[in-house]
Amino acid sequence: MFNNKKKQDAQSSEDLNDVNTENTNNAPEQEENPLADELNANEPVESAELSTESKLKEDLAQANDKYLRLYAEFDNFKRRTTKERVELLQTAGKEVIVSLLPVLDDFERAIKAMENAADVTAVKEGVTLVQNKLKGILKQKGLKEMESKGTTFDADIHEAITNIPAPTDDLKGKVVDELEKGYYLNDKVVRFAKVVVGA
C-alpha cells in the first residue's frame, strides 16, 4: 500500500509537472504575444506618423520653393517694367521730335533766305508754309486747335484772364478775345485757352 501511495504521489507530481510545464510553456507565449502584438501595432503607427510628417515636410519644402521662385519672378518683372518705363519716358517724344526735324530744317533755310532777301512777301510766304507744315505734323499726332472766340465761356477749357464790358449784348458771358490758343491732344485738353470774357 505504501508503494501504491508512492506511485500515486509520483504520478500526481508528474501530472503537476506536466501541467506546470504546459502552463510555463503557454503562459510566456500568452504574455509575449500581447506585447509583441502591441509592439507590432505601434510600428506601423509610428511609421505612418513618420511618413505623414516627412510628407508634410516635403510639401512645405515644395511650397517654400514655389514661393521663392514666384517672388524672384515678380521681382524680375518689377525691375524689367521699371526699366522699360524709364526708357519709355526718355524716348516718349522721339517719334514727335523725329517728325519735327524737317520743320526745323525748313526754319533754318528760311533764316538763311531772310539774310539775303529783298522781297518781304516771299519771306512771309516761306514762313507761312513752314507754319502750315508744322501744324500738319502736329495734327497727325493728334493735336487739335481749340476754337474759343465767340463761344460761351467754359471753365473746363478756358482760362479767363480778365473781364471787359461786352461790346454787344449777345457777347455777355462769351469769349470776346483769345490771347493764347488752347489745344486738345486726342480730345483731351493739353493747354487751356487764355481768353477775355465779356461782362
N, C-alpha and C. Protein backbone atom coordinates (compact mmCIF):
# COMPACT_ATOMS: atom_id res chain seq x y z
N MET A 1 0.81 -1.17 0.00
CA MET A 1 0.00 0.00 0.00
C MET A 1 0.87 1.25 0.00
N PHE A 2 1.91 1.15 0.79
CA PHE A 2 2.86 2.23 0.83
C PHE A 2 3.45 2.48 -0.54
N ASN A 3 3.70 1.44 -1.22
CA ASN A 3 4.24 1.55 -2.59
C ASN A 3 3.21 2.18 -3.51
N ASN A 4 1.93 1.77 -3.27
CA ASN A 4 0.89 2.35 -4.12
C ASN A 4 0.80 3.87 -3.91
N LYS A 5 0.88 4.28 -2.64
CA LYS A 5 0.80 5.68 -2.34
C LYS A 5 1.95 6.42 -2.97
N LYS A 6 3.13 5.84 -2.94
CA LYS A 6 4.31 6.44 -3.55
C LYS A 6 4.09 6.58 -5.04
N LYS A 7 3.51 5.57 -5.62
CA LYS A 7 3.27 5.59 -7.06
C LYS A 7 2.29 6.71 -7.40
N GLN A 8 1.23 6.83 -6.55
CA GLN A 8 0.23 7.85 -6.80
C GLN A 8 0.85 9.24 -6.66
N ASP A 9 1.67 9.39 -5.58
CA ASP A 9 2.32 10.67 -5.38
C ASP A 9 3.25 10.99 -6.55
N ALA A 10 3.95 10.01 -6.99
CA ALA A 10 4.87 10.23 -8.10
C ALA A 10 4.09 10.58 -9.36
N GLN A 11 2.96 9.87 -9.53
CA GLN A 11 2.16 10.14 -10.71
C GLN A 11 1.56 11.54 -10.62
N SER A 12 1.03 11.91 -9.41
CA SER A 12 0.46 13.23 -9.27
C SER A 12 1.51 14.28 -9.46
N SER A 13 2.72 14.07 -8.96
CA SER A 13 3.77 15.06 -9.16
C SER A 13 4.15 15.16 -10.63
N GLU A 14 4.11 14.05 -11.34
CA GLU A 14 4.38 14.08 -12.78
C GLU A 14 3.31 14.87 -13.50
N ASP A 15 2.04 14.63 -13.06
CA ASP A 15 0.93 15.34 -13.67
C ASP A 15 1.06 16.85 -13.42
N LEU A 16 1.43 17.15 -12.17
CA LEU A 16 1.62 18.55 -11.84
C LEU A 16 2.75 19.15 -12.65
N ASN A 17 3.82 18.40 -12.77
CA ASN A 17 4.95 18.89 -13.58
C ASN A 17 4.52 19.11 -15.03
N ASP A 18 3.71 18.17 -15.53
CA ASP A 18 3.25 18.31 -16.91
C ASP A 18 2.38 19.57 -17.05
N VAL A 19 1.49 19.73 -16.05
CA VAL A 19 0.61 20.89 -16.08
C VAL A 19 1.44 22.17 -15.97
N ASN A 20 2.43 22.18 -15.02
CA ASN A 20 3.30 23.34 -14.85
C ASN A 20 4.10 23.62 -16.11
N THR A 21 4.57 22.55 -16.71
CA THR A 21 5.34 22.71 -17.93
C THR A 21 4.46 23.30 -19.02
N GLU A 22 3.24 22.79 -19.10
CA GLU A 22 2.32 23.32 -20.10
C GLU A 22 2.02 24.79 -19.81
N ASN A 23 1.78 25.07 -18.50
CA ASN A 23 1.47 26.44 -18.12
C ASN A 23 2.65 27.37 -18.40
N THR A 24 3.85 26.91 -18.04
CA THR A 24 5.01 27.75 -18.29
C THR A 24 5.24 27.90 -19.78
N ASN A 25 4.97 26.85 -20.52
CA ASN A 25 5.13 26.94 -21.97
C ASN A 25 4.07 27.86 -22.58
N ASN A 26 2.86 27.73 -22.08
CA ASN A 26 1.77 28.53 -22.63
C ASN A 26 1.77 29.97 -22.10
N ALA A 27 2.07 30.13 -20.83
CA ALA A 27 1.98 31.45 -20.22
C ALA A 27 2.90 32.47 -20.87
N PRO A 28 4.18 32.16 -21.03
CA PRO A 28 5.03 33.15 -21.67
C PRO A 28 4.55 33.49 -23.07
N GLU A 29 4.01 32.47 -23.78
CA GLU A 29 3.53 32.76 -25.13
C GLU A 29 2.38 33.75 -25.08
N GLN A 30 1.47 33.54 -24.10
CA GLN A 30 0.34 34.44 -24.00
C GLN A 30 0.80 35.84 -23.57
N GLU A 31 1.76 35.92 -22.64
CA GLU A 31 2.24 37.21 -22.19
C GLU A 31 3.05 37.90 -23.29
N GLU A 32 3.85 37.13 -23.99
CA GLU A 32 4.68 37.72 -25.03
C GLU A 32 3.85 38.17 -26.24
N ASN A 33 2.85 37.40 -26.56
CA ASN A 33 2.04 37.71 -27.73
C ASN A 33 1.37 39.09 -27.63
N PRO A 34 0.76 39.46 -26.49
CA PRO A 34 0.16 40.80 -26.44
C PRO A 34 1.21 41.88 -26.56
N LEU A 35 2.37 41.69 -25.94
CA LEU A 35 3.44 42.67 -26.06
C LEU A 35 3.93 42.76 -27.50
N ALA A 36 4.11 41.59 -28.07
CA ALA A 36 4.59 41.56 -29.45
C ALA A 36 3.56 42.20 -30.37
N ASP A 37 2.27 41.86 -30.11
CA ASP A 37 1.22 42.46 -30.93
C ASP A 37 1.20 43.97 -30.76
N GLU A 38 1.38 44.42 -29.50
CA GLU A 38 1.37 45.85 -29.23
C GLU A 38 2.55 46.54 -29.91
N LEU A 39 3.70 45.89 -29.81
CA LEU A 39 4.89 46.44 -30.48
C LEU A 39 4.69 46.48 -31.98
N ASN A 40 4.17 45.36 -32.51
CA ASN A 40 3.93 45.30 -33.95
C ASN A 40 2.88 46.33 -34.37
N ALA A 41 1.88 46.53 -33.50
CA ALA A 41 0.84 47.50 -33.81
C ALA A 41 1.41 48.92 -33.76
N ASN A 42 2.35 49.22 -32.84
CA ASN A 42 2.94 50.55 -32.72
C ASN A 42 3.86 50.86 -33.89
N GLU A 43 4.53 49.87 -34.39
CA GLU A 43 5.47 50.10 -35.50
C GLU A 43 4.79 50.71 -36.71
N PRO A 44 3.68 50.18 -37.19
CA PRO A 44 3.03 50.82 -38.34
C PRO A 44 2.52 52.22 -38.01
N VAL A 45 2.01 52.46 -36.79
CA VAL A 45 1.52 53.77 -36.42
C VAL A 45 2.68 54.77 -36.44
N GLU A 46 3.80 54.38 -35.83
CA GLU A 46 4.97 55.26 -35.84
C GLU A 46 5.47 55.50 -37.26
N SER A 47 5.51 54.43 -38.05
CA SER A 47 5.97 54.61 -39.42
C SER A 47 4.98 55.44 -40.22
N ALA A 48 3.68 55.29 -39.91
CA ALA A 48 2.67 56.12 -40.59
C ALA A 48 2.83 57.57 -40.18
N GLU A 49 3.09 57.79 -38.86
CA GLU A 49 3.31 59.16 -38.39
C GLU A 49 4.55 59.75 -39.04
N LEU A 50 5.61 58.93 -39.11
CA LEU A 50 6.84 59.40 -39.74
C LEU A 50 6.61 59.72 -41.22
N SER A 51 5.88 58.84 -41.90
CA SER A 51 5.65 59.08 -43.32
C SER A 51 4.77 60.32 -43.53
N THR A 52 3.77 60.53 -42.66
CA THR A 52 2.93 61.72 -42.75
C THR A 52 3.76 62.97 -42.48
N GLU A 53 4.60 62.89 -41.44
CA GLU A 53 5.45 64.03 -41.09
C GLU A 53 6.44 64.34 -42.22
N SER A 54 7.04 63.29 -42.78
CA SER A 54 8.00 63.52 -43.87
C SER A 54 7.28 64.06 -45.11
N LYS A 55 6.04 63.59 -45.32
CA LYS A 55 5.27 64.08 -46.46
C LYS A 55 4.94 65.57 -46.27
N LEU A 56 4.55 65.93 -45.04
CA LEU A 56 4.25 67.33 -44.76
C LEU A 56 5.48 68.20 -44.91
N LYS A 57 6.63 67.69 -44.44
CA LYS A 57 7.88 68.43 -44.59
C LYS A 57 8.22 68.62 -46.07
N GLU A 58 7.99 67.59 -46.85
CA GLU A 58 8.26 67.67 -48.28
C GLU A 58 7.33 68.68 -48.95
N ASP A 59 6.04 68.65 -48.56
CA ASP A 59 5.08 69.62 -49.10
C ASP A 59 5.48 71.04 -48.74
N LEU A 60 5.91 71.23 -47.49
CA LEU A 60 6.34 72.55 -47.03
C LEU A 60 7.56 73.03 -47.83
N ALA A 61 8.50 72.13 -48.06
CA ALA A 61 9.70 72.49 -48.84
C ALA A 61 9.31 72.87 -50.27
N GLN A 62 8.36 72.12 -50.85
CA GLN A 62 7.91 72.44 -52.21
C GLN A 62 7.21 73.80 -52.24
N ALA A 63 6.37 74.06 -51.22
CA ALA A 63 5.65 75.34 -51.16
C ALA A 63 6.63 76.49 -51.00
N ASN A 64 7.65 76.31 -50.15
CA ASN A 64 8.67 77.35 -49.98
C ASN A 64 9.43 77.60 -51.27
N ASP A 65 9.76 76.53 -51.96
CA ASP A 65 10.49 76.64 -53.23
C ASP A 65 9.63 77.39 -54.25
N LYS A 66 8.35 77.01 -54.31
CA LYS A 66 7.44 77.67 -55.24
C LYS A 66 7.32 79.15 -54.90
N TYR A 67 7.19 79.47 -53.61
CA TYR A 67 7.08 80.85 -53.18
C TYR A 67 8.32 81.66 -53.57
N LEU A 68 9.49 81.07 -53.31
CA LEU A 68 10.73 81.78 -53.65
C LEU A 68 10.84 82.02 -55.14
N ARG A 69 10.45 81.03 -55.94
CA ARG A 69 10.51 81.20 -57.40
C ARG A 69 9.55 82.30 -57.86
N LEU A 70 8.31 82.28 -57.32
CA LEU A 70 7.34 83.31 -57.69
C LEU A 70 7.81 84.69 -57.26
N TYR A 71 8.39 84.78 -56.07
CA TYR A 71 8.89 86.06 -55.58
C TYR A 71 10.00 86.58 -56.49
N ALA A 72 10.91 85.66 -56.88
CA ALA A 72 12.01 86.06 -57.76
C ALA A 72 11.49 86.50 -59.12
N GLU A 73 10.50 85.76 -59.65
CA GLU A 73 9.92 86.13 -60.95
C GLU A 73 9.25 87.50 -60.87
N PHE A 74 8.50 87.74 -59.78
CA PHE A 74 7.82 89.02 -59.62
C PHE A 74 8.84 90.16 -59.48
N ASP A 75 9.90 89.91 -58.73
CA ASP A 75 10.94 90.92 -58.55
C ASP A 75 11.59 91.25 -59.90
N ASN A 76 11.87 90.22 -60.69
CA ASN A 76 12.44 90.44 -62.04
C ASN A 76 11.46 91.22 -62.92
N PHE A 77 10.17 90.84 -62.85
CA PHE A 77 9.16 91.54 -63.63
C PHE A 77 9.08 93.01 -63.24
N LYS A 78 9.13 93.28 -61.92
CA LYS A 78 9.06 94.66 -61.44
C LYS A 78 10.26 95.46 -61.93
N ARG A 79 11.45 94.86 -61.84
CA ARG A 79 12.65 95.56 -62.32
C ARG A 79 12.57 95.84 -63.81
N ARG A 80 12.12 94.82 -64.56
CA ARG A 80 12.04 94.96 -66.02
C ARG A 80 11.05 96.06 -66.42
N THR A 81 9.86 96.07 -65.77
CA THR A 81 8.86 97.08 -66.12
C THR A 81 9.32 98.48 -65.70
N THR A 82 10.02 98.58 -64.57
CA THR A 82 10.55 99.88 -64.16
C THR A 82 11.55 100.38 -65.18
N LYS A 83 12.42 99.48 -65.62
CA LYS A 83 13.44 99.86 -66.63
C LYS A 83 12.76 100.27 -67.93
N GLU A 84 11.74 99.50 -68.36
CA GLU A 84 11.02 99.83 -69.59
C GLU A 84 10.31 101.17 -69.46
N ARG A 85 9.73 101.45 -68.28
CA ARG A 85 9.03 102.72 -68.07
C ARG A 85 10.01 103.89 -68.17
N VAL A 86 11.19 103.72 -67.56
CA VAL A 86 12.20 104.79 -67.62
C VAL A 86 12.63 105.03 -69.06
N GLU A 87 12.87 103.91 -69.79
CA GLU A 87 13.25 104.04 -71.20
C GLU A 87 12.15 104.69 -72.02
N LEU A 88 10.89 104.33 -71.72
CA LEU A 88 9.77 104.92 -72.44
C LEU A 88 9.67 106.41 -72.19
N LEU A 89 9.85 106.81 -70.93
CA LEU A 89 9.80 108.24 -70.61
C LEU A 89 10.93 109.00 -71.29
N GLN A 90 12.10 108.37 -71.38
CA GLN A 90 13.23 109.04 -72.01
C GLN A 90 13.05 109.17 -73.52
N THR A 91 12.37 108.19 -74.11
CA THR A 91 12.21 108.21 -75.57
C THR A 91 10.76 108.45 -75.99
N ALA A 92 9.91 108.93 -75.07
CA ALA A 92 8.49 109.10 -75.39
C ALA A 92 8.26 110.06 -76.53
N GLY A 93 9.01 111.16 -76.56
CA GLY A 93 8.82 112.16 -77.60
C GLY A 93 9.67 111.93 -78.84
N LYS A 94 10.34 110.79 -78.90
CA LYS A 94 11.26 110.53 -80.01
C LYS A 94 10.55 110.62 -81.36
N GLU A 95 9.40 109.98 -81.46
CA GLU A 95 8.67 109.95 -82.74
C GLU A 95 8.27 111.37 -83.16
N VAL A 96 7.76 112.14 -82.19
CA VAL A 96 7.33 113.51 -82.50
C VAL A 96 8.53 114.36 -82.89
N ILE A 97 9.61 114.22 -82.14
CA ILE A 97 10.82 115.01 -82.42
C ILE A 97 11.38 114.68 -83.80
N VAL A 98 11.42 113.39 -84.12
CA VAL A 98 11.94 112.98 -85.44
C VAL A 98 11.05 113.56 -86.55
N SER A 99 9.73 113.57 -86.32
CA SER A 99 8.84 114.11 -87.36
C SER A 99 8.94 115.63 -87.46
N LEU A 100 9.41 116.30 -86.38
CA LEU A 100 9.56 117.77 -86.42
C LEU A 100 10.90 118.22 -86.99
N LEU A 101 11.84 117.32 -87.16
CA LEU A 101 13.16 117.71 -87.68
C LEU A 101 13.09 118.37 -89.06
N PRO A 102 12.24 117.89 -89.99
CA PRO A 102 12.14 118.60 -91.28
C PRO A 102 11.66 120.05 -91.13
N VAL A 103 10.78 120.30 -90.15
CA VAL A 103 10.30 121.66 -89.91
C VAL A 103 11.46 122.52 -89.42
N LEU A 104 12.28 121.95 -88.55
CA LEU A 104 13.47 122.68 -88.07
C LEU A 104 14.40 123.01 -89.23
N ASP A 105 14.58 122.04 -90.13
CA ASP A 105 15.40 122.29 -91.34
C ASP A 105 14.80 123.43 -92.16
N ASP A 106 13.48 123.43 -92.31
CA ASP A 106 12.81 124.49 -93.08
C ASP A 106 13.02 125.85 -92.43
N PHE A 107 12.95 125.93 -91.10
CA PHE A 107 13.19 127.19 -90.41
C PHE A 107 14.63 127.68 -90.64
N GLU A 108 15.58 126.77 -90.60
CA GLU A 108 16.98 127.16 -90.84
C GLU A 108 17.14 127.71 -92.26
N ARG A 109 16.50 127.06 -93.24
CA ARG A 109 16.56 127.55 -94.62
C ARG A 109 15.88 128.93 -94.73
N ALA A 110 14.78 129.11 -94.01
CA ALA A 110 14.06 130.40 -94.05
C ALA A 110 14.93 131.51 -93.46
N ILE A 111 15.64 131.21 -92.38
CA ILE A 111 16.52 132.21 -91.77
C ILE A 111 17.64 132.59 -92.74
N LYS A 112 18.22 131.60 -93.42
CA LYS A 112 19.27 131.90 -94.41
C LYS A 112 18.72 132.73 -95.56
N ALA A 113 17.50 132.41 -95.98
CA ALA A 113 16.88 133.15 -97.09
C ALA A 113 16.57 134.58 -96.69
N MET A 114 16.21 134.78 -95.40
CA MET A 114 15.88 136.14 -94.94
C MET A 114 17.11 137.05 -94.92
N GLU A 115 18.30 136.46 -94.74
CA GLU A 115 19.53 137.27 -94.70
C GLU A 115 19.77 137.99 -96.03
N ASN A 116 19.50 137.33 -97.14
CA ASN A 116 19.78 137.90 -98.47
C ASN A 116 18.52 138.38 -99.19
N ALA A 117 17.34 138.19 -98.57
CA ALA A 117 16.09 138.50 -99.27
C ALA A 117 15.82 140.00 -99.30
N ALA A 118 15.38 140.43 -100.47
CA ALA A 118 14.99 141.84 -100.62
C ALA A 118 13.47 141.94 -100.61
N ASP A 119 12.80 140.83 -100.99
CA ASP A 119 11.34 140.83 -101.07
C ASP A 119 10.76 140.21 -99.78
N VAL A 120 10.05 141.02 -99.03
CA VAL A 120 9.47 140.55 -97.75
C VAL A 120 8.31 139.60 -98.00
N THR A 121 7.60 139.77 -99.09
CA THR A 121 6.45 138.92 -99.39
C THR A 121 6.86 137.47 -99.53
N ALA A 122 7.98 137.23 -100.20
CA ALA A 122 8.47 135.85 -100.38
C ALA A 122 8.84 135.23 -99.03
N VAL A 123 9.44 136.02 -98.16
CA VAL A 123 9.81 135.53 -96.82
C VAL A 123 8.54 135.17 -96.03
N LYS A 124 7.55 136.03 -96.11
CA LYS A 124 6.28 135.76 -95.41
C LYS A 124 5.65 134.46 -95.89
N GLU A 125 5.65 134.28 -97.20
CA GLU A 125 5.08 133.04 -97.77
C GLU A 125 5.85 131.82 -97.29
N GLY A 126 7.17 131.93 -97.24
CA GLY A 126 8.00 130.81 -96.77
C GLY A 126 7.71 130.46 -95.31
N VAL A 127 7.61 131.50 -94.47
CA VAL A 127 7.32 131.26 -93.04
C VAL A 127 5.92 130.65 -92.88
N THR A 128 4.97 131.12 -93.68
CA THR A 128 3.61 130.57 -93.63
C THR A 128 3.61 129.09 -94.02
N LEU A 129 4.39 128.76 -95.06
CA LEU A 129 4.50 127.35 -95.48
C LEU A 129 5.07 126.48 -94.36
N VAL A 130 6.11 127.00 -93.70
CA VAL A 130 6.73 126.24 -92.59
C VAL A 130 5.72 126.06 -91.46
N GLN A 131 4.98 127.13 -91.14
CA GLN A 131 3.97 127.04 -90.07
C GLN A 131 2.90 126.01 -90.42
N ASN A 132 2.44 126.03 -91.66
CA ASN A 132 1.42 125.06 -92.09
C ASN A 132 1.95 123.62 -92.01
N LYS A 133 3.22 123.46 -92.38
CA LYS A 133 3.84 122.13 -92.30
C LYS A 133 3.89 121.66 -90.84
N LEU A 134 4.27 122.56 -89.95
CA LEU A 134 4.34 122.23 -88.51
C LEU A 134 2.95 121.87 -87.99
N LYS A 135 1.95 122.67 -88.34
CA LYS A 135 0.59 122.39 -87.89
C LYS A 135 0.10 121.03 -88.43
N GLY A 136 0.44 120.74 -89.68
CA GLY A 136 0.04 119.45 -90.28
C GLY A 136 0.64 118.27 -89.53
N ILE A 137 1.92 118.36 -89.20
CA ILE A 137 2.59 117.28 -88.47
C ILE A 137 1.95 117.10 -87.09
N LEU A 138 1.72 118.21 -86.40
CA LEU A 138 1.12 118.13 -85.06
C LEU A 138 -0.31 117.59 -85.11
N LYS A 139 -1.03 117.94 -86.18
CA LYS A 139 -2.39 117.42 -86.35
C LYS A 139 -2.37 115.91 -86.54
N GLN A 140 -1.39 115.42 -87.31
CA GLN A 140 -1.24 113.97 -87.49
C GLN A 140 -0.99 113.26 -86.16
N LYS A 141 -0.32 113.95 -85.25
CA LYS A 141 0.00 113.37 -83.93
C LYS A 141 -1.16 113.50 -82.96
N GLY A 142 -2.28 114.09 -83.39
CA GLY A 142 -3.46 114.17 -82.53
C GLY A 142 -3.71 115.53 -81.92
N LEU A 143 -2.92 116.53 -82.28
CA LEU A 143 -3.11 117.88 -81.72
C LEU A 143 -4.18 118.62 -82.51
N LYS A 144 -5.09 119.27 -81.78
CA LYS A 144 -6.18 119.98 -82.42
C LYS A 144 -6.35 121.33 -81.74
N GLU A 145 -6.53 122.38 -82.55
CA GLU A 145 -6.72 123.73 -82.00
C GLU A 145 -8.11 123.86 -81.41
N MET A 146 -8.18 124.65 -80.35
CA MET A 146 -9.46 124.91 -79.70
C MET A 146 -10.06 126.19 -80.28
N GLU A 147 -11.30 126.12 -80.71
CA GLU A 147 -12.00 127.31 -81.20
C GLU A 147 -12.70 127.96 -80.02
N SER A 148 -12.21 129.13 -79.60
CA SER A 148 -12.75 129.77 -78.39
C SER A 148 -13.49 131.06 -78.67
N LYS A 149 -13.02 131.84 -79.62
CA LYS A 149 -13.58 133.18 -79.84
C LYS A 149 -15.05 133.09 -80.24
N GLY A 150 -15.88 133.84 -79.48
CA GLY A 150 -17.31 133.87 -79.78
C GLY A 150 -18.09 132.76 -79.10
N THR A 151 -17.42 131.82 -78.44
CA THR A 151 -18.13 130.72 -77.76
C THR A 151 -18.42 131.11 -76.31
N THR A 152 -19.33 130.41 -75.69
CA THR A 152 -19.66 130.65 -74.28
C THR A 152 -18.46 130.24 -73.42
N PHE A 153 -18.18 131.06 -72.40
CA PHE A 153 -17.05 130.78 -71.52
C PHE A 153 -17.30 129.46 -70.78
N ASP A 154 -16.30 128.59 -70.83
CA ASP A 154 -16.36 127.28 -70.16
C ASP A 154 -15.10 127.12 -69.33
N ALA A 155 -15.26 127.07 -68.02
CA ALA A 155 -14.10 126.99 -67.12
C ALA A 155 -13.31 125.69 -67.29
N ASP A 156 -13.92 124.67 -67.91
CA ASP A 156 -13.23 123.40 -68.12
C ASP A 156 -12.17 123.48 -69.22
N ILE A 157 -12.38 124.42 -70.16
CA ILE A 157 -11.42 124.52 -71.26
C ILE A 157 -10.81 125.91 -71.41
N HIS A 158 -11.39 126.90 -70.74
CA HIS A 158 -10.90 128.28 -70.84
C HIS A 158 -10.30 128.76 -69.53
N GLU A 159 -9.34 129.65 -69.66
CA GLU A 159 -8.76 130.33 -68.51
C GLU A 159 -9.00 131.83 -68.72
N ALA A 160 -9.87 132.40 -67.88
CA ALA A 160 -10.22 133.81 -68.05
C ALA A 160 -9.12 134.69 -67.49
N ILE A 161 -8.56 135.54 -68.34
CA ILE A 161 -7.52 136.47 -67.92
C ILE A 161 -8.17 137.72 -67.31
N THR A 162 -9.23 138.18 -67.97
CA THR A 162 -9.92 139.39 -67.48
C THR A 162 -11.33 139.43 -68.05
N ASN A 163 -12.14 140.30 -67.44
CA ASN A 163 -13.49 140.59 -67.95
C ASN A 163 -13.50 142.01 -68.49
N ILE A 164 -14.18 142.18 -69.60
CA ILE A 164 -14.35 143.55 -70.13
C ILE A 164 -15.83 143.74 -70.43
N PRO A 165 -16.28 144.98 -70.47
CA PRO A 165 -17.68 145.19 -70.84
C PRO A 165 -17.92 144.65 -72.25
N ALA A 166 -18.98 143.89 -72.40
CA ALA A 166 -19.27 143.27 -73.70
C ALA A 166 -19.64 144.34 -74.71
N PRO A 167 -19.02 144.29 -75.93
CA PRO A 167 -19.35 145.28 -76.95
C PRO A 167 -20.82 145.20 -77.36
N THR A 168 -21.38 144.00 -77.37
CA THR A 168 -22.81 143.83 -77.69
C THR A 168 -23.43 142.91 -76.64
N ASP A 169 -24.74 142.93 -76.56
CA ASP A 169 -25.44 142.11 -75.56
C ASP A 169 -25.26 140.61 -75.80
N ASP A 170 -25.16 140.23 -77.06
CA ASP A 170 -25.02 138.80 -77.35
C ASP A 170 -23.65 138.24 -76.96
N LEU A 171 -22.64 139.08 -76.64
CA LEU A 171 -21.31 138.61 -76.22
C LEU A 171 -21.15 138.54 -74.70
N LYS A 172 -22.23 138.82 -73.95
CA LYS A 172 -22.15 138.72 -72.48
C LYS A 172 -21.97 137.25 -72.08
N GLY A 173 -20.94 137.00 -71.26
CA GLY A 173 -20.65 135.62 -70.82
C GLY A 173 -19.95 134.79 -71.88
N LYS A 174 -19.55 135.45 -72.96
CA LYS A 174 -18.86 134.73 -74.04
C LYS A 174 -17.44 135.24 -74.18
N VAL A 175 -16.63 134.49 -74.92
CA VAL A 175 -15.23 134.85 -75.14
C VAL A 175 -15.18 135.97 -76.18
N VAL A 176 -14.64 137.09 -75.76
CA VAL A 176 -14.53 138.25 -76.65
C VAL A 176 -13.23 138.18 -77.44
N ASP A 177 -12.15 137.81 -76.75
CA ASP A 177 -10.84 137.78 -77.40
C ASP A 177 -10.04 136.60 -76.87
N GLU A 178 -9.13 136.12 -77.69
CA GLU A 178 -8.28 134.97 -77.32
C GLU A 178 -6.83 135.44 -77.31
N LEU A 179 -6.20 135.40 -76.12
CA LEU A 179 -4.81 135.84 -76.01
C LEU A 179 -3.83 134.69 -76.33
N GLU A 180 -4.20 133.49 -75.99
CA GLU A 180 -3.35 132.33 -76.26
C GLU A 180 -4.26 131.15 -76.59
N LYS A 181 -3.96 130.51 -77.70
CA LYS A 181 -4.81 129.39 -78.16
C LYS A 181 -4.74 128.20 -77.20
N GLY A 182 -5.87 127.52 -77.10
CA GLY A 182 -5.91 126.27 -76.35
C GLY A 182 -5.81 125.10 -77.32
N TYR A 183 -5.37 123.94 -76.80
CA TYR A 183 -5.18 122.77 -77.66
C TYR A 183 -5.70 121.51 -77.00
N TYR A 184 -6.22 120.61 -77.85
CA TYR A 184 -6.61 119.26 -77.44
C TYR A 184 -5.56 118.28 -77.99
N LEU A 185 -5.27 117.27 -77.21
CA LEU A 185 -4.46 116.16 -77.73
C LEU A 185 -5.30 114.91 -77.56
N ASN A 186 -5.73 114.36 -78.71
CA ASN A 186 -6.65 113.21 -78.71
C ASN A 186 -7.87 113.48 -77.82
N ASP A 187 -8.50 114.62 -78.04
CA ASP A 187 -9.73 115.06 -77.36
C ASP A 187 -9.55 115.30 -75.86
N LYS A 188 -8.34 115.46 -75.41
CA LYS A 188 -8.08 115.81 -74.01
C LYS A 188 -7.36 117.16 -74.00
N VAL A 189 -7.80 118.05 -73.11
CA VAL A 189 -7.21 119.39 -73.07
C VAL A 189 -5.77 119.30 -72.59
N VAL A 190 -4.83 119.79 -73.42
CA VAL A 190 -3.42 119.83 -73.01
C VAL A 190 -2.99 121.25 -72.67
N ARG A 191 -3.74 122.22 -73.18
CA ARG A 191 -3.47 123.61 -72.81
C ARG A 191 -4.78 124.39 -72.86
N PHE A 192 -5.07 125.07 -71.75
CA PHE A 192 -6.29 125.88 -71.69
C PHE A 192 -6.09 127.16 -72.50
N ALA A 193 -7.17 127.60 -73.11
CA ALA A 193 -7.13 128.85 -73.87
C ALA A 193 -7.21 130.03 -72.91
N LYS A 194 -6.29 130.98 -73.05
CA LYS A 194 -6.32 132.19 -72.22
C LYS A 194 -7.18 133.21 -72.95
N VAL A 195 -8.30 133.58 -72.31
CA VAL A 195 -9.31 134.38 -73.01
C VAL A 195 -9.74 135.60 -72.20
N VAL A 196 -10.37 136.54 -72.93
CA VAL A 196 -11.00 137.71 -72.33
C VAL A 196 -12.51 137.48 -72.45
N VAL A 197 -13.20 137.64 -71.32
CA VAL A 197 -14.64 137.34 -71.29
C VAL A 197 -15.44 138.62 -71.24
N GLY A 198 -16.53 138.67 -71.96
CA GLY A 198 -17.42 139.84 -71.95
C GLY A 198 -18.33 139.80 -70.73
N ALA A 199 -18.46 140.95 -70.07
CA ALA A 199 -19.31 141.01 -68.86
C ALA A 199 -20.56 141.81 -69.12
